[in-house]
Amino acid sequence: MLRGELEESKVAVETSIMLNPSFAIAQYSRGWVGLQLGENQVCHDRIGFARRLSPFDPLKFAMLGVLGLNLALMGRTDEAIELARQSLRQANAHYLVTAFAAVTHAVSGQVEQAGRYLTRIRQVSPGFDADDFLTVFQFQRHWDRQRVRKAFRDMGKLAA
């Protein structure tokens, strides 16, 4: 998955789920792959299930961040914003979680807050932009990549 081999990852994660349906990280990983493949409902369902399996999971920050961005892309902006904020309050939340929150806020129309998050990200990773985000999170749908790029353009105007 981290090499961008999403279809292969999808098969591997689904095999893992078939062998152990209660493996929360596999459920979450299937949701993450689903987000990048444009399978928004799969992402929502799998991460929701992972959260029920492991409500105090050490990767809770990631589960909330991925799910928040997924909901923003689905147009469910109020829920998306709340999950993005929750993700940032979790232990181990790193600058890429802040990037999820920034894009979630920008896609949801809260560009000023998104700009503040981008400023925070750039303190840790100077010059962080849409290309950096899309290198890590390899969205396959053109529309999703366009929305991420627009989010960075919009919030970049406000970031210090």
N, C-alpha and C. Protein backbone atom coordinates (compact mmCIF):
# COMPACT_ATOMS: atom_id res chain seq x y z
N MET A 1 0.83 -1.19 0.00
CA MET A 1 0.00 0.00 0.00
C MET A 1 0.87 1.24 0.00
N LEU A 2 1.91 1.27 0.81
CA LEU A 2 2.78 2.44 0.90
C LEU A 2 3.61 2.65 -0.36
N ARG A 3 3.72 1.63 -1.19
CA ARG A 3 4.41 1.77 -2.47
C ARG A 3 3.44 2.17 -3.58
N GLY A 4 2.17 2.35 -3.24
CA GLY A 4 1.19 2.75 -4.23
C GLY A 4 0.60 1.59 -5.02
N GLU A 5 0.85 0.39 -4.58
CA GLU A 5 0.31 -0.80 -5.26
C GLU A 5 -1.05 -1.12 -4.65
N LEU A 6 -2.01 -0.27 -4.99
CA LEU A 6 -3.30 -0.32 -4.29
C LEU A 6 -4.13 -1.54 -4.63
N GLU A 7 -4.17 -1.94 -5.87
CA GLU A 7 -4.95 -3.14 -6.22
C GLU A 7 -4.37 -4.38 -5.57
N GLU A 8 -3.04 -4.48 -5.56
CA GLU A 8 -2.39 -5.61 -4.90
C GLU A 8 -2.64 -5.56 -3.39
N SER A 9 -2.60 -4.36 -2.85
CA SER A 9 -2.86 -4.18 -1.42
C SER A 9 -4.28 -4.58 -1.07
N LYS A 10 -5.20 -4.21 -1.93
CA LYS A 10 -6.61 -4.54 -1.71
C LYS A 10 -6.78 -6.06 -1.59
N VAL A 11 -6.16 -6.79 -2.49
CA VAL A 11 -6.24 -8.26 -2.46
C VAL A 11 -5.60 -8.80 -1.19
N ALA A 12 -4.43 -8.29 -0.84
CA ALA A 12 -3.72 -8.79 0.36
C ALA A 12 -4.53 -8.50 1.63
N VAL A 13 -5.08 -7.31 1.72
CA VAL A 13 -5.84 -6.94 2.92
C VAL A 13 -7.14 -7.75 2.98
N GLU A 14 -7.79 -7.93 1.85
CA GLU A 14 -9.01 -8.74 1.86
C GLU A 14 -8.72 -10.19 2.24
N THR A 15 -7.57 -10.71 1.84
CA THR A 15 -7.17 -12.05 2.26
C THR A 15 -6.97 -12.08 3.77
N SER A 16 -6.33 -11.07 4.30
CA SER A 16 -6.12 -10.98 5.74
C SER A 16 -7.46 -10.94 6.48
N ILE A 17 -8.40 -10.17 5.96
CA ILE A 17 -9.73 -10.07 6.58
C ILE A 17 -10.46 -11.41 6.51
N MET A 18 -10.31 -12.10 5.39
CA MET A 18 -10.95 -13.41 5.25
C MET A 18 -10.40 -14.37 6.30
N LEU A 19 -9.10 -14.31 6.55
CA LEU A 19 -8.48 -15.20 7.53
C LEU A 19 -8.81 -14.81 8.97
N ASN A 20 -8.98 -13.50 9.21
CA ASN A 20 -9.26 -13.02 10.55
C ASN A 20 -10.11 -11.76 10.47
N PRO A 21 -11.43 -11.90 10.40
CA PRO A 21 -12.32 -10.74 10.25
C PRO A 21 -12.26 -9.76 11.41
N SER A 22 -11.75 -10.17 12.56
CA SER A 22 -11.69 -9.26 13.71
C SER A 22 -10.34 -8.55 13.84
N PHE A 23 -9.51 -8.61 12.81
CA PHE A 23 -8.21 -7.94 12.80
C PHE A 23 -8.45 -6.47 12.42
N ALA A 24 -8.48 -5.62 13.43
CA ALA A 24 -8.86 -4.22 13.23
C ALA A 24 -7.95 -3.49 12.25
N ILE A 25 -6.66 -3.74 12.31
CA ILE A 25 -5.74 -3.03 11.42
C ILE A 25 -6.00 -3.41 9.96
N ALA A 26 -6.34 -4.65 9.71
CA ALA A 26 -6.68 -5.05 8.34
C ALA A 26 -7.96 -4.35 7.88
N GLN A 27 -8.95 -4.27 8.77
CA GLN A 27 -10.18 -3.58 8.42
C GLN A 27 -9.90 -2.10 8.11
N TYR A 28 -9.11 -1.46 8.96
CA TYR A 28 -8.73 -0.07 8.74
C TYR A 28 -7.96 0.07 7.42
N SER A 29 -7.01 -0.83 7.19
CA SER A 29 -6.20 -0.76 5.97
C SER A 29 -7.06 -0.90 4.72
N ARG A 30 -8.07 -1.75 4.79
CA ARG A 30 -8.98 -1.89 3.65
C ARG A 30 -9.74 -0.57 3.42
N GLY A 31 -10.09 0.09 4.50
CA GLY A 31 -10.74 1.39 4.37
C GLY A 31 -9.81 2.42 3.77
N TRP A 32 -8.56 2.43 4.19
CA TRP A 32 -7.58 3.38 3.67
C TRP A 32 -7.35 3.15 2.18
N VAL A 33 -7.19 1.88 1.80
CA VAL A 33 -7.05 1.55 0.38
C VAL A 33 -8.32 1.99 -0.37
N GLY A 34 -9.46 1.74 0.24
CA GLY A 34 -10.73 2.13 -0.39
C GLY A 34 -10.81 3.62 -0.64
N LEU A 35 -10.37 4.43 0.32
CA LEU A 35 -10.38 5.89 0.13
C LEU A 35 -9.55 6.25 -1.09
N GLN A 36 -8.37 5.69 -1.20
CA GLN A 36 -7.48 6.03 -2.31
C GLN A 36 -8.00 5.52 -3.66
N LEU A 37 -8.77 4.43 -3.62
CA LEU A 37 -9.34 3.90 -4.85
C LEU A 37 -10.68 4.56 -5.21
N GLY A 38 -11.17 5.41 -4.35
CA GLY A 38 -12.45 6.05 -4.61
C GLY A 38 -13.65 5.22 -4.18
N GLU A 39 -13.42 4.25 -3.34
CA GLU A 39 -14.49 3.39 -2.82
C GLU A 39 -14.95 3.95 -1.47
N ASN A 40 -15.67 5.06 -1.54
CA ASN A 40 -16.00 5.79 -0.32
C ASN A 40 -16.85 4.99 0.66
N GLN A 41 -17.80 4.23 0.17
CA GLN A 41 -18.64 3.46 1.09
C GLN A 41 -17.85 2.34 1.74
N VAL A 42 -16.97 1.70 0.99
CA VAL A 42 -16.10 0.66 1.55
C VAL A 42 -15.23 1.27 2.65
N CYS A 43 -14.66 2.43 2.37
CA CYS A 43 -13.84 3.12 3.38
C CYS A 43 -14.66 3.37 4.64
N HIS A 44 -15.82 3.92 4.48
CA HIS A 44 -16.68 4.24 5.62
C HIS A 44 -17.02 2.98 6.43
N ASP A 45 -17.43 1.94 5.74
CA ASP A 45 -17.85 0.70 6.42
C ASP A 45 -16.69 0.03 7.13
N ARG A 46 -15.56 -0.10 6.45
CA ARG A 46 -14.42 -0.84 7.02
C ARG A 46 -13.81 -0.10 8.21
N ILE A 47 -13.66 1.20 8.08
CA ILE A 47 -13.07 1.93 9.20
C ILE A 47 -14.05 2.00 10.36
N GLY A 48 -15.32 2.12 10.07
CA GLY A 48 -16.32 2.07 11.14
C GLY A 48 -16.24 0.75 11.90
N PHE A 49 -16.09 -0.34 11.16
CA PHE A 49 -15.98 -1.65 11.78
C PHE A 49 -14.68 -1.76 12.58
N ALA A 50 -13.58 -1.26 12.03
CA ALA A 50 -12.30 -1.30 12.74
C ALA A 50 -12.40 -0.54 14.06
N ARG A 51 -13.09 0.59 14.05
CA ARG A 51 -13.24 1.39 15.27
C ARG A 51 -14.07 0.65 16.32
N ARG A 52 -15.07 -0.09 15.86
CA ARG A 52 -15.87 -0.88 16.82
C ARG A 52 -15.05 -2.05 17.38
N LEU A 53 -14.22 -2.65 16.54
CA LEU A 53 -13.37 -3.76 16.99
C LEU A 53 -12.32 -3.30 18.00
N SER A 54 -11.79 -2.10 17.80
CA SER A 54 -10.67 -1.64 18.62
C SER A 54 -10.84 -0.15 18.93
N PRO A 55 -11.75 0.18 19.84
CA PRO A 55 -12.06 1.60 20.10
C PRO A 55 -10.91 2.40 20.68
N PHE A 56 -9.91 1.74 21.25
CA PHE A 56 -8.77 2.44 21.82
C PHE A 56 -7.49 2.09 21.07
N ASP A 57 -7.62 1.80 19.80
CA ASP A 57 -6.50 1.38 18.97
C ASP A 57 -5.41 2.46 18.93
N PRO A 58 -4.13 2.06 18.95
CA PRO A 58 -3.06 3.04 18.84
C PRO A 58 -3.08 3.83 17.53
N LEU A 59 -3.76 3.30 16.51
CA LEU A 59 -3.89 4.00 15.24
C LEU A 59 -5.23 4.74 15.12
N LYS A 60 -5.85 5.00 16.25
CA LYS A 60 -7.14 5.69 16.23
C LYS A 60 -7.03 7.04 15.51
N PHE A 61 -5.91 7.74 15.69
CA PHE A 61 -5.71 9.02 15.01
C PHE A 61 -5.84 8.86 13.50
N ALA A 62 -5.27 7.80 12.96
CA ALA A 62 -5.33 7.56 11.52
C ALA A 62 -6.73 7.15 11.08
N MET A 63 -7.36 6.30 11.86
CA MET A 63 -8.72 5.88 11.53
C MET A 63 -9.65 7.09 11.43
N LEU A 64 -9.55 7.97 12.42
CA LEU A 64 -10.40 9.16 12.43
C LEU A 64 -10.05 10.11 11.29
N GLY A 65 -8.78 10.28 11.03
CA GLY A 65 -8.35 11.18 9.96
C GLY A 65 -8.77 10.71 8.59
N VAL A 66 -8.57 9.43 8.30
CA VAL A 66 -8.96 8.87 7.01
C VAL A 66 -10.48 8.94 6.86
N LEU A 67 -11.18 8.54 7.89
CA LEU A 67 -12.64 8.56 7.84
C LEU A 67 -13.17 9.98 7.66
N GLY A 68 -12.55 10.95 8.34
CA GLY A 68 -12.97 12.34 8.19
C GLY A 68 -12.81 12.83 6.76
N LEU A 69 -11.66 12.58 6.17
CA LEU A 69 -11.46 13.03 4.79
C LEU A 69 -12.42 12.31 3.85
N ASN A 70 -12.63 11.04 4.08
CA ASN A 70 -13.57 10.29 3.26
C ASN A 70 -14.97 10.92 3.31
N LEU A 71 -15.41 11.27 4.52
CA LEU A 71 -16.73 11.89 4.65
C LEU A 71 -16.77 13.26 3.98
N ALA A 72 -15.70 14.02 4.06
CA ALA A 72 -15.65 15.31 3.37
C ALA A 72 -15.80 15.12 1.86
N LEU A 73 -15.12 14.12 1.32
CA LEU A 73 -15.22 13.85 -0.11
C LEU A 73 -16.62 13.36 -0.49
N MET A 74 -17.34 12.79 0.48
CA MET A 74 -18.71 12.34 0.25
C MET A 74 -19.72 13.47 0.46
N GLY A 75 -19.25 14.64 0.90
CA GLY A 75 -20.15 15.76 1.13
C GLY A 75 -20.75 15.81 2.52
N ARG A 76 -20.31 14.96 3.39
CA ARG A 76 -20.82 14.92 4.77
C ARG A 76 -19.89 15.74 5.65
N THR A 77 -19.91 17.06 5.42
CA THR A 77 -18.88 17.94 5.96
C THR A 77 -18.94 18.14 7.46
N ASP A 78 -20.12 18.20 8.06
CA ASP A 78 -20.18 18.40 9.51
C ASP A 78 -19.53 17.23 10.25
N GLU A 79 -19.87 16.02 9.84
CA GLU A 79 -19.26 14.84 10.46
C GLU A 79 -17.76 14.80 10.18
N ALA A 80 -17.38 15.18 8.97
CA ALA A 80 -15.97 15.16 8.57
C ALA A 80 -15.14 16.07 9.45
N ILE A 81 -15.63 17.29 9.67
CA ILE A 81 -14.91 18.26 10.49
C ILE A 81 -14.74 17.75 11.92
N GLU A 82 -15.79 17.18 12.47
CA GLU A 82 -15.71 16.67 13.84
C GLU A 82 -14.67 15.54 13.94
N LEU A 83 -14.67 14.63 12.98
CA LEU A 83 -13.69 13.54 13.02
C LEU A 83 -12.27 14.06 12.83
N ALA A 84 -12.10 15.05 11.96
CA ALA A 84 -10.77 15.64 11.77
C ALA A 84 -10.26 16.24 13.07
N ARG A 85 -11.13 16.94 13.76
CA ARG A 85 -10.73 17.54 15.04
C ARG A 85 -10.40 16.46 16.07
N GLN A 86 -11.21 15.41 16.11
CA GLN A 86 -10.93 14.31 17.04
C GLN A 86 -9.60 13.65 16.72
N SER A 87 -9.30 13.50 15.44
CA SER A 87 -8.04 12.83 15.05
C SER A 87 -6.83 13.58 15.58
N LEU A 88 -6.91 14.91 15.60
CA LEU A 88 -5.78 15.71 16.06
C LEU A 88 -5.58 15.64 17.57
N ARG A 89 -6.62 15.25 18.29
CA ARG A 89 -6.52 15.16 19.75
C ARG A 89 -5.99 13.80 20.22
N GLN A 90 -5.76 12.88 19.31
CA GLN A 90 -5.32 11.54 19.68
C GLN A 90 -3.82 11.49 19.90
N ALA A 91 -3.41 10.61 20.79
CA ALA A 91 -1.98 10.35 20.98
C ALA A 91 -1.41 9.87 19.65
N ASN A 92 -0.18 10.21 19.39
CA ASN A 92 0.57 9.78 18.21
C ASN A 92 0.17 10.50 16.92
N ALA A 93 -0.76 11.44 16.97
CA ALA A 93 -1.15 12.16 15.76
C ALA A 93 0.05 12.97 15.26
N HIS A 94 0.45 12.74 14.03
CA HIS A 94 1.62 13.39 13.46
C HIS A 94 1.20 14.37 12.36
N TYR A 95 2.17 14.98 11.70
CA TYR A 95 1.85 16.05 10.77
C TYR A 95 1.00 15.59 9.59
N LEU A 96 1.07 14.32 9.20
CA LEU A 96 0.22 13.86 8.11
C LEU A 96 -1.25 13.79 8.54
N VAL A 97 -1.49 13.58 9.82
CA VAL A 97 -2.86 13.64 10.33
C VAL A 97 -3.35 15.09 10.27
N THR A 98 -2.45 16.01 10.56
CA THR A 98 -2.79 17.42 10.42
C THR A 98 -3.08 17.75 8.95
N ALA A 99 -2.35 17.11 8.04
CA ALA A 99 -2.62 17.32 6.61
C ALA A 99 -4.01 16.80 6.24
N PHE A 100 -4.39 15.64 6.79
CA PHE A 100 -5.75 15.15 6.57
C PHE A 100 -6.77 16.17 7.07
N ALA A 101 -6.53 16.69 8.26
CA ALA A 101 -7.45 17.67 8.84
C ALA A 101 -7.51 18.93 7.98
N ALA A 102 -6.36 19.38 7.48
CA ALA A 102 -6.32 20.58 6.64
C ALA A 102 -7.15 20.38 5.37
N VAL A 103 -6.92 19.27 4.68
CA VAL A 103 -7.66 19.01 3.44
C VAL A 103 -9.14 18.82 3.74
N THR A 104 -9.45 18.12 4.83
CA THR A 104 -10.85 17.93 5.21
C THR A 104 -11.53 19.27 5.43
N HIS A 105 -10.88 20.17 6.15
CA HIS A 105 -11.47 21.49 6.40
C HIS A 105 -11.61 22.29 5.10
N ALA A 106 -10.59 22.26 4.25
CA ALA A 106 -10.67 23.02 2.99
C ALA A 106 -11.77 22.49 2.09
N VAL A 107 -11.85 21.17 1.94
CA VAL A 107 -12.90 20.57 1.11
C VAL A 107 -14.28 20.89 1.68
N SER A 108 -14.35 21.03 2.99
CA SER A 108 -15.62 21.31 3.67
C SER A 108 -15.96 22.81 3.71
N GLY A 109 -15.11 23.64 3.11
CA GLY A 109 -15.38 25.06 3.05
C GLY A 109 -14.84 25.87 4.21
N GLN A 110 -14.11 25.25 5.11
CA GLN A 110 -13.52 25.96 6.25
C GLN A 110 -12.04 26.23 5.95
N VAL A 111 -11.83 27.12 4.99
CA VAL A 111 -10.50 27.35 4.44
C VAL A 111 -9.58 28.08 5.43
N GLU A 112 -10.12 28.97 6.23
CA GLU A 112 -9.27 29.68 7.20
C GLU A 112 -8.64 28.71 8.19
N GLN A 113 -9.44 27.79 8.73
CA GLN A 113 -8.88 26.79 9.64
C GLN A 113 -7.91 25.89 8.90
N ALA A 114 -8.23 25.53 7.68
CA ALA A 114 -7.33 24.71 6.87
C ALA A 114 -5.98 25.40 6.70
N GLY A 115 -6.00 26.72 6.47
CA GLY A 115 -4.76 27.48 6.34
C GLY A 115 -3.93 27.45 7.60
N ARG A 116 -4.61 27.52 8.75
CA ARG A 116 -3.88 27.44 10.04
C ARG A 116 -3.22 26.06 10.19
N TYR A 117 -3.94 25.02 9.79
CA TYR A 117 -3.35 23.68 9.86
C TYR A 117 -2.15 23.57 8.91
N LEU A 118 -2.27 24.15 7.72
CA LEU A 118 -1.16 24.08 6.77
C LEU A 118 0.06 24.83 7.32
N THR A 119 -0.16 25.94 7.98
CA THR A 119 0.95 26.66 8.63
C THR A 119 1.64 25.75 9.64
N ARG A 120 0.84 25.03 10.43
CA ARG A 120 1.40 24.11 11.44
C ARG A 120 2.20 22.99 10.77
N ILE A 121 1.68 22.46 9.67
CA ILE A 121 2.37 21.38 8.95
C ILE A 121 3.72 21.87 8.44
N ARG A 122 3.73 23.07 7.89
CA ARG A 122 4.96 23.60 7.28
C ARG A 122 6.01 23.95 8.32
N GLN A 123 5.64 24.04 9.58
CA GLN A 123 6.64 24.22 10.63
C GLN A 123 7.45 22.94 10.81
N VAL A 124 6.83 21.81 10.53
CA VAL A 124 7.49 20.51 10.65
C VAL A 124 8.07 20.06 9.32
N SER A 125 7.35 20.35 8.24
CA SER A 125 7.75 19.94 6.90
C SER A 125 7.64 21.15 5.96
N PRO A 126 8.69 21.99 5.94
CA PRO A 126 8.64 23.22 5.13
C PRO A 126 8.30 22.94 3.66
N GLY A 127 7.41 23.76 3.12
CA GLY A 127 7.04 23.64 1.72
C GLY A 127 6.04 22.55 1.42
N PHE A 128 5.54 21.87 2.44
CA PHE A 128 4.58 20.78 2.22
C PHE A 128 3.44 21.28 1.35
N ASP A 129 3.13 20.52 0.29
CA ASP A 129 2.08 20.95 -0.63
C ASP A 129 1.29 19.75 -1.15
N ALA A 130 0.45 20.02 -2.13
CA ALA A 130 -0.42 18.97 -2.68
C ALA A 130 0.38 17.80 -3.23
N ASP A 131 1.50 18.08 -3.88
CA ASP A 131 2.31 16.99 -4.43
C ASP A 131 2.81 16.06 -3.33
N ASP A 132 3.23 16.64 -2.20
CA ASP A 132 3.67 15.82 -1.07
C ASP A 132 2.52 14.96 -0.54
N PHE A 133 1.37 15.58 -0.39
CA PHE A 133 0.20 14.87 0.11
C PHE A 133 -0.16 13.72 -0.83
N LEU A 134 -0.17 14.01 -2.13
CA LEU A 134 -0.59 13.00 -3.12
C LEU A 134 0.49 11.95 -3.37
N THR A 135 1.71 12.19 -2.91
CA THR A 135 2.73 11.14 -2.97
C THR A 135 2.47 10.10 -1.90
N VAL A 136 2.03 10.57 -0.73
CA VAL A 136 1.75 9.65 0.37
C VAL A 136 0.39 8.99 0.19
N PHE A 137 -0.59 9.78 -0.20
CA PHE A 137 -1.97 9.29 -0.36
C PHE A 137 -2.31 9.34 -1.84
N GLN A 138 -2.22 8.20 -2.47
CA GLN A 138 -2.26 8.13 -3.93
C GLN A 138 -3.67 7.91 -4.46
N PHE A 139 -4.44 8.98 -4.39
CA PHE A 139 -5.83 8.92 -4.87
C PHE A 139 -5.85 8.55 -6.35
N GLN A 140 -6.68 7.60 -6.69
CA GLN A 140 -6.75 7.11 -8.06
C GLN A 140 -7.77 7.86 -8.91
N ARG A 141 -8.81 8.39 -8.27
CA ARG A 141 -9.81 9.14 -9.04
C ARG A 141 -9.30 10.55 -9.33
N HIS A 142 -9.39 10.93 -10.58
CA HIS A 142 -8.96 12.25 -11.00
C HIS A 142 -9.68 13.34 -10.20
N TRP A 143 -10.97 13.15 -9.99
CA TRP A 143 -11.77 14.13 -9.25
C TRP A 143 -11.24 14.32 -7.83
N ASP A 144 -10.85 13.25 -7.16
CA ASP A 144 -10.31 13.36 -5.80
C ASP A 144 -8.98 14.12 -5.81
N ARG A 145 -8.11 13.80 -6.77
CA ARG A 145 -6.83 14.52 -6.86
C ARG A 145 -7.06 16.00 -7.13
N GLN A 146 -8.02 16.32 -7.99
CA GLN A 146 -8.34 17.72 -8.27
C GLN A 146 -8.82 18.44 -7.01
N ARG A 147 -9.65 17.78 -6.24
CA ARG A 147 -10.16 18.40 -5.01
C ARG A 147 -9.04 18.64 -4.00
N VAL A 148 -8.11 17.71 -3.91
CA VAL A 148 -6.96 17.89 -3.01
C VAL A 148 -6.11 19.06 -3.49
N ARG A 149 -5.85 19.13 -4.77
CA ARG A 149 -5.05 20.23 -5.31
C ARG A 149 -5.74 21.58 -5.07
N LYS A 150 -7.04 21.64 -5.29
CA LYS A 150 -7.79 22.87 -5.04
C LYS A 150 -7.73 23.24 -3.56
N ALA A 151 -7.86 22.25 -2.69
CA ALA A 151 -7.79 22.50 -1.25
C ALA A 151 -6.45 23.15 -0.89
N PHE A 152 -5.36 22.62 -1.44
CA PHE A 152 -4.04 23.20 -1.15
C PHE A 152 -3.89 24.60 -1.75
N ARG A 153 -4.43 24.82 -2.93
CA ARG A 153 -4.38 26.18 -3.50
C ARG A 153 -5.13 27.16 -2.60
N ASP A 154 -6.32 26.77 -2.18
CA ASP A 154 -7.16 27.64 -1.36
C ASP A 154 -6.51 27.93 0.00
N MET A 155 -6.06 26.88 0.68
CA MET A 155 -5.51 27.11 2.01
C MET A 155 -4.10 27.70 1.93
N GLY A 156 -3.41 27.46 0.83
CA GLY A 156 -2.08 28.03 0.68
C GLY A 156 -2.08 29.55 0.65
N LYS A 157 -3.18 30.13 0.19
CA LYS A 157 -3.31 31.59 0.17
C LYS A 157 -3.38 32.17 1.57
N LEU A 158 -3.77 31.32 2.54
CA LEU A 158 -3.94 31.79 3.91
C LEU A 158 -2.85 31.34 4.86
N ALA A 159 -2.05 30.38 4.42
CA ALA A 159 -1.00 29.84 5.31
C ALA A 159 0.17 30.79 5.37
N ALA A 160 0.76 30.87 6.56
CA ALA A 160 1.94 31.73 6.74
C ALA A 160 3.19 31.03 6.26
